[in-house]
Protein backbone atom coordinates (compact mmCIF):
# COMPACT_ATOMS: atom_id res chain seq x y z
CA UNK A 1 0.00 0.01 -0.01
CA UNK A 2 1.33 3.42 -0.95
CA UNK A 3 1.93 6.04 1.73
CA UNK A 4 -0.83 8.61 1.97
CA UNK A 5 0.23 12.14 1.02
CA UNK A 6 -1.15 15.38 2.48
CA UNK A 7 -2.99 16.07 -0.77
CA UNK A 8 -4.75 12.69 -0.56
CA UNK A 9 -6.22 13.75 2.79
CA UNK A 10 -8.01 16.76 1.27
CA UNK A 11 -9.50 14.86 -1.63
CA UNK A 12 -11.96 13.43 0.92
CA UNK A 13 -15.27 15.25 1.54
CA UNK A 14 -15.42 14.43 5.27
CA UNK A 15 -11.91 15.92 5.85
CA UNK A 16 -13.01 19.06 4.06
CA UNK A 17 -16.21 19.17 6.14
CA UNK A 18 -14.28 18.81 9.37
CA UNK A 19 -11.74 21.52 8.44
CA UNK A 20 -14.53 23.93 7.53
CA UNK A 21 -16.47 23.03 10.66
CA UNK A 22 -13.38 23.77 12.81
CA UNK A 23 -13.05 27.15 11.11
CA UNK A 24 -16.72 28.09 11.56
CA UNK A 25 -17.46 27.02 15.14
CA UNK A 26 -16.06 29.34 17.80
CA UNK A 27 -16.63 27.41 21.06
CA UNK A 28 -16.83 23.84 22.28
CA UNK A 29 -14.45 22.42 19.67
CA UNK A 30 -14.49 18.87 21.06
CA UNK A 31 -14.55 15.73 18.93
CA UNK A 32 -18.21 14.90 19.58
CA UNK A 33 -19.38 18.41 18.64
CA UNK A 34 -17.22 18.46 15.50
CA UNK A 35 -18.50 15.04 14.43
CA UNK A 36 -22.11 16.12 14.96
CA UNK A 37 -21.72 19.32 12.91
CA UNK A 38 -19.73 17.59 10.16
CA UNK A 39 -22.23 14.68 10.01
CA UNK A 40 -19.54 12.10 10.67
CA UNK A 41 -19.09 9.33 13.25
CA UNK A 42 -16.95 10.09 16.29
CA UNK A 43 -14.53 7.27 15.43
CA UNK A 44 -14.01 8.50 11.88
CA UNK A 45 -13.69 12.09 13.14
CA UNK A 46 -10.98 11.06 15.62
CA UNK A 47 -9.07 9.24 12.86
CA UNK A 48 -9.25 12.28 10.59
CA UNK A 49 -8.21 14.63 13.42
CA UNK A 50 -5.17 12.43 14.15
CA UNK A 51 -4.12 12.66 10.48
CA UNK A 52 -4.66 16.42 10.52
CA UNK A 53 -2.57 16.74 13.70
CA UNK A 54 0.21 14.67 12.13
CA UNK A 55 0.13 17.09 9.18
CA UNK A 56 0.41 20.09 11.48
CA UNK A 57 -2.99 21.50 10.66
CA UNK A 58 -4.70 21.02 14.03
CA UNK A 59 -3.63 20.82 17.63
CA UNK A 60 -5.37 18.44 20.00
CA UNK A 61 -5.16 19.31 23.68
CA UNK A 62 -6.43 16.81 26.23
CA UNK A 63 -8.52 18.52 28.94
CA UNK A 64 -9.72 15.79 31.30
CA UNK A 65 -12.02 13.54 29.31
CA UNK A 66 -12.42 16.04 26.47
CA UNK A 67 -10.02 16.66 23.63
CA UNK A 68 -10.07 20.31 22.63
CA UNK A 69 -9.24 20.77 18.92
CA UNK A 70 -7.89 24.00 17.45
CA UNK A 71 -6.60 24.90 13.99
CA UNK A 72 -2.96 25.91 13.72
CA UNK A 73 -1.96 28.94 11.65
CA UNK A 74 -1.34 26.63 8.68
CA UNK A 75 -4.69 24.94 9.37
CA UNK A 76 -6.46 28.26 9.33
CA UNK A 77 -4.99 29.08 5.95
CA UNK A 78 -5.98 25.69 4.52
CA UNK A 79 -9.50 26.03 5.92
CA UNK A 80 -9.86 29.47 4.27
CA UNK A 81 -8.82 27.98 0.92
CA UNK A 82 -11.25 25.04 1.33
CA UNK A 83 -14.08 27.48 2.16
CA UNK A 84 -13.24 29.48 -0.97
CA UNK A 85 -13.16 26.34 -3.12
CA UNK A 86 -16.44 25.14 -1.70
CA UNK A 87 -18.05 28.57 -2.36
CA UNK A 88 -16.73 28.49 -5.91
CA UNK A 89 -18.14 25.06 -6.74
CA UNK A 90 -21.66 26.00 -5.59
């Protein structure tokens, strides 16, 4: 199996949905809230968030039982581009 590249990650609709959701919501950026707003299962959301963290696009901070997710500077830039692309295709 070939190694997945960063570009391969963004060719997935759910990843794009999660990045845009992270950009749009201001508070309560926990995995369960993100998965609910992105219409994705919690397990799949966690897997995607781990890949995004490994790519340097999000930062996951454990706060007790809750994992707080924030976009990094690079993640914010990517989310802005994804929002622009999504607006263009509509």
